[in-house]
Amino acid sequence: MSTTIAGWKDKILFTPGPLTTSRTVKQALLRDLGSRDFEFIRLIREIRDNLLSIGQVHKGEYEAS
């Protein structure tokens, strides 16, 4: 028996992992970024800054690592 969502072409998979993700997410996963790539470093810095903002604390007082 196949379980599907109306208008969805792929079967629903009940296994761990990002298997039933949108096309845009799958396309984003096609690009590998290394930990020394400038874009990766910028993205991690942005995420860490956003975490501090969510926690309503200031850089220098706290650090997200």
N, C-alpha and C. Protein backbone atom coordinates (compact mmCIF):
# COMPACT_ATOMS: atom_id res chain seq x y z
N MET A 1 0.83 -1.17 0.00
CA MET A 1 0.00 0.00 0.00
C MET A 1 0.89 1.24 0.00
N SER A 2 0.58 2.20 -0.84
CA SER A 2 1.36 3.42 -0.97
C SER A 2 0.64 4.58 -0.29
N THR A 3 1.35 5.29 0.59
CA THR A 3 0.78 6.44 1.25
C THR A 3 1.28 7.69 0.56
N THR A 4 0.39 8.55 0.09
CA THR A 4 0.80 9.78 -0.57
C THR A 4 -0.02 10.96 -0.09
N ILE A 5 0.49 12.14 -0.31
CA ILE A 5 -0.21 13.38 -0.02
C ILE A 5 -0.75 13.89 -1.35
N ALA A 6 -1.99 14.37 -1.34
CA ALA A 6 -2.59 14.87 -2.57
C ALA A 6 -1.69 15.93 -3.19
N GLY A 7 -1.39 15.79 -4.47
CA GLY A 7 -0.55 16.73 -5.17
C GLY A 7 0.94 16.50 -4.98
N TRP A 8 1.32 15.53 -4.21
CA TRP A 8 2.73 15.21 -3.94
C TRP A 8 3.11 14.00 -4.76
N LYS A 9 4.22 14.06 -5.47
CA LYS A 9 4.61 12.98 -6.37
C LYS A 9 5.36 11.85 -5.67
N ASP A 10 6.11 12.18 -4.62
CA ASP A 10 6.91 11.17 -3.94
C ASP A 10 6.09 10.48 -2.85
N LYS A 11 6.47 9.25 -2.53
CA LYS A 11 5.86 8.53 -1.41
C LYS A 11 6.35 9.14 -0.11
N ILE A 12 5.55 9.05 0.93
CA ILE A 12 5.99 9.49 2.25
C ILE A 12 6.89 8.40 2.82
N LEU A 13 8.08 8.78 3.21
CA LEU A 13 9.04 7.82 3.75
C LEU A 13 9.15 8.03 5.26
N PHE A 14 9.00 6.96 6.02
CA PHE A 14 9.04 7.04 7.48
C PHE A 14 10.36 6.52 8.00
N THR A 15 11.45 7.09 7.49
CA THR A 15 12.79 6.73 7.95
C THR A 15 13.50 8.01 8.35
N PRO A 16 14.52 7.92 9.21
CA PRO A 16 15.23 9.13 9.64
C PRO A 16 15.91 9.82 8.47
N GLY A 17 15.97 11.12 8.56
CA GLY A 17 16.69 11.89 7.54
C GLY A 17 15.79 12.81 6.77
N PRO A 18 16.37 13.75 6.05
CA PRO A 18 15.58 14.69 5.26
C PRO A 18 15.17 14.07 3.92
N LEU A 19 14.27 13.10 3.97
CA LEU A 19 13.91 12.39 2.75
C LEU A 19 12.75 13.02 1.99
N THR A 20 11.77 13.53 2.72
CA THR A 20 10.62 14.13 2.05
C THR A 20 10.70 15.65 2.20
N THR A 21 11.75 16.22 1.64
CA THR A 21 11.97 17.66 1.71
C THR A 21 11.55 18.30 0.39
N SER A 22 11.40 19.60 0.43
CA SER A 22 11.00 20.33 -0.78
C SER A 22 12.13 20.30 -1.81
N ARG A 23 11.78 20.61 -3.02
CA ARG A 23 12.77 20.64 -4.11
C ARG A 23 13.87 21.66 -3.82
N THR A 24 13.50 22.83 -3.26
CA THR A 24 14.51 23.85 -2.99
C THR A 24 15.51 23.39 -1.92
N VAL A 25 15.04 22.65 -0.93
CA VAL A 25 15.95 22.11 0.09
C VAL A 25 16.88 21.08 -0.55
N LYS A 26 16.34 20.21 -1.37
CA LYS A 26 17.17 19.20 -2.04
C LYS A 26 18.22 19.86 -2.92
N GLN A 27 17.84 20.94 -3.62
CA GLN A 27 18.81 21.65 -4.46
C GLN A 27 19.90 22.30 -3.62
N ALA A 28 19.54 22.84 -2.46
CA ALA A 28 20.54 23.46 -1.58
C ALA A 28 21.53 22.42 -1.07
N LEU A 29 21.07 21.18 -0.89
CA LEU A 29 21.94 20.12 -0.38
C LEU A 29 22.94 19.63 -1.43
N LEU A 30 22.77 20.05 -2.68
CA LEU A 30 23.68 19.60 -3.74
C LEU A 30 25.03 20.30 -3.67
N ARG A 31 25.11 21.40 -2.94
CA ARG A 31 26.36 22.15 -2.86
C ARG A 31 27.07 21.84 -1.55
N ASP A 32 28.28 21.37 -1.65
CA ASP A 32 29.09 21.08 -0.47
C ASP A 32 29.87 22.33 -0.07
N LEU A 33 29.87 22.62 1.22
CA LEU A 33 30.69 23.70 1.75
C LEU A 33 31.64 23.11 2.78
N GLY A 34 32.90 23.44 2.65
CA GLY A 34 33.88 22.98 3.62
C GLY A 34 33.99 23.97 4.77
N SER A 35 34.51 23.52 5.89
CA SER A 35 34.60 24.35 7.08
C SER A 35 35.55 25.53 6.92
N ARG A 36 36.35 25.55 5.87
CA ARG A 36 37.27 26.67 5.63
C ARG A 36 36.79 27.57 4.50
N ASP A 37 35.66 27.25 3.89
CA ASP A 37 35.10 28.11 2.84
C ASP A 37 34.58 29.39 3.47
N PHE A 38 34.84 30.52 2.82
CA PHE A 38 34.41 31.82 3.35
C PHE A 38 32.90 31.87 3.56
N GLU A 39 32.13 31.30 2.65
CA GLU A 39 30.67 31.32 2.78
C GLU A 39 30.22 30.50 3.99
N PHE A 40 30.86 29.36 4.23
CA PHE A 40 30.54 28.53 5.39
C PHE A 40 30.83 29.28 6.69
N ILE A 41 32.00 29.91 6.75
CA ILE A 41 32.40 30.67 7.95
C ILE A 41 31.42 31.80 8.20
N ARG A 42 31.02 32.52 7.14
CA ARG A 42 30.06 33.61 7.28
C ARG A 42 28.72 33.09 7.78
N LEU A 43 28.27 31.97 7.23
CA LEU A 43 26.98 31.39 7.62
C LEU A 43 27.00 30.96 9.09
N ILE A 44 28.06 30.31 9.53
CA ILE A 44 28.16 29.88 10.93
C ILE A 44 28.20 31.09 11.85
N ARG A 45 28.94 32.14 11.45
CA ARG A 45 28.98 33.37 12.27
C ARG A 45 27.58 33.97 12.39
N GLU A 46 26.85 34.00 11.28
CA GLU A 46 25.48 34.54 11.29
C GLU A 46 24.57 33.72 12.20
N ILE A 47 24.67 32.40 12.14
CA ILE A 47 23.85 31.52 12.99
C ILE A 47 24.19 31.77 14.46
N ARG A 48 25.48 31.85 14.78
CA ARG A 48 25.89 32.08 16.17
C ARG A 48 25.39 33.43 16.68
N ASP A 49 25.47 34.46 15.83
CA ASP A 49 24.96 35.78 16.22
C ASP A 49 23.46 35.74 16.44
N ASN A 50 22.75 35.03 15.57
CA ASN A 50 21.29 34.91 15.70
C ASN A 50 20.91 34.17 16.99
N LEU A 51 21.68 33.16 17.36
CA LEU A 51 21.41 32.44 18.61
C LEU A 51 21.54 33.37 19.81
N LEU A 52 22.54 34.24 19.79
CA LEU A 52 22.71 35.20 20.88
C LEU A 52 21.53 36.17 20.91
N SER A 53 21.09 36.59 19.74
CA SER A 53 19.94 37.49 19.66
C SER A 53 18.68 36.84 20.19
N ILE A 54 18.46 35.59 19.83
CA ILE A 54 17.30 34.85 20.33
C ILE A 54 17.34 34.74 21.84
N GLY A 55 18.53 34.52 22.38
CA GLY A 55 18.71 34.42 23.83
C GLY A 55 18.71 35.77 24.52
N GLN A 56 18.60 36.83 23.75
CA GLN A 56 18.58 38.21 24.26
C GLN A 56 19.80 38.53 25.12
N VAL A 57 20.96 38.10 24.61
CA VAL A 57 22.23 38.40 25.27
C VAL A 57 23.16 39.06 24.24
N HIS A 58 24.24 39.65 24.72
CA HIS A 58 25.14 40.39 23.85
C HIS A 58 26.44 39.64 23.63
N LYS A 59 26.97 39.80 22.42
CA LYS A 59 28.26 39.23 22.08
C LYS A 59 29.31 39.85 23.02
N GLY A 60 30.19 39.04 23.52
CA GLY A 60 31.18 39.49 24.49
C GLY A 60 30.80 39.03 25.89
N GLU A 61 29.49 39.10 26.21
CA GLU A 61 29.01 38.57 27.48
C GLU A 61 28.88 37.05 27.39
N TYR A 62 28.36 36.61 26.25
CA TYR A 62 28.10 35.18 26.01
C TYR A 62 28.62 34.81 24.64
N GLU A 63 28.77 33.51 24.42
CA GLU A 63 29.21 33.02 23.11
C GLU A 63 28.43 31.77 22.78
N ALA A 64 27.98 31.69 21.52
CA ALA A 64 27.32 30.48 21.03
C ALA A 64 28.37 29.67 20.29
N SER A 65 28.60 28.44 20.73
CA SER A 65 29.62 27.62 20.06
C SER A 65 29.10 26.25 19.76
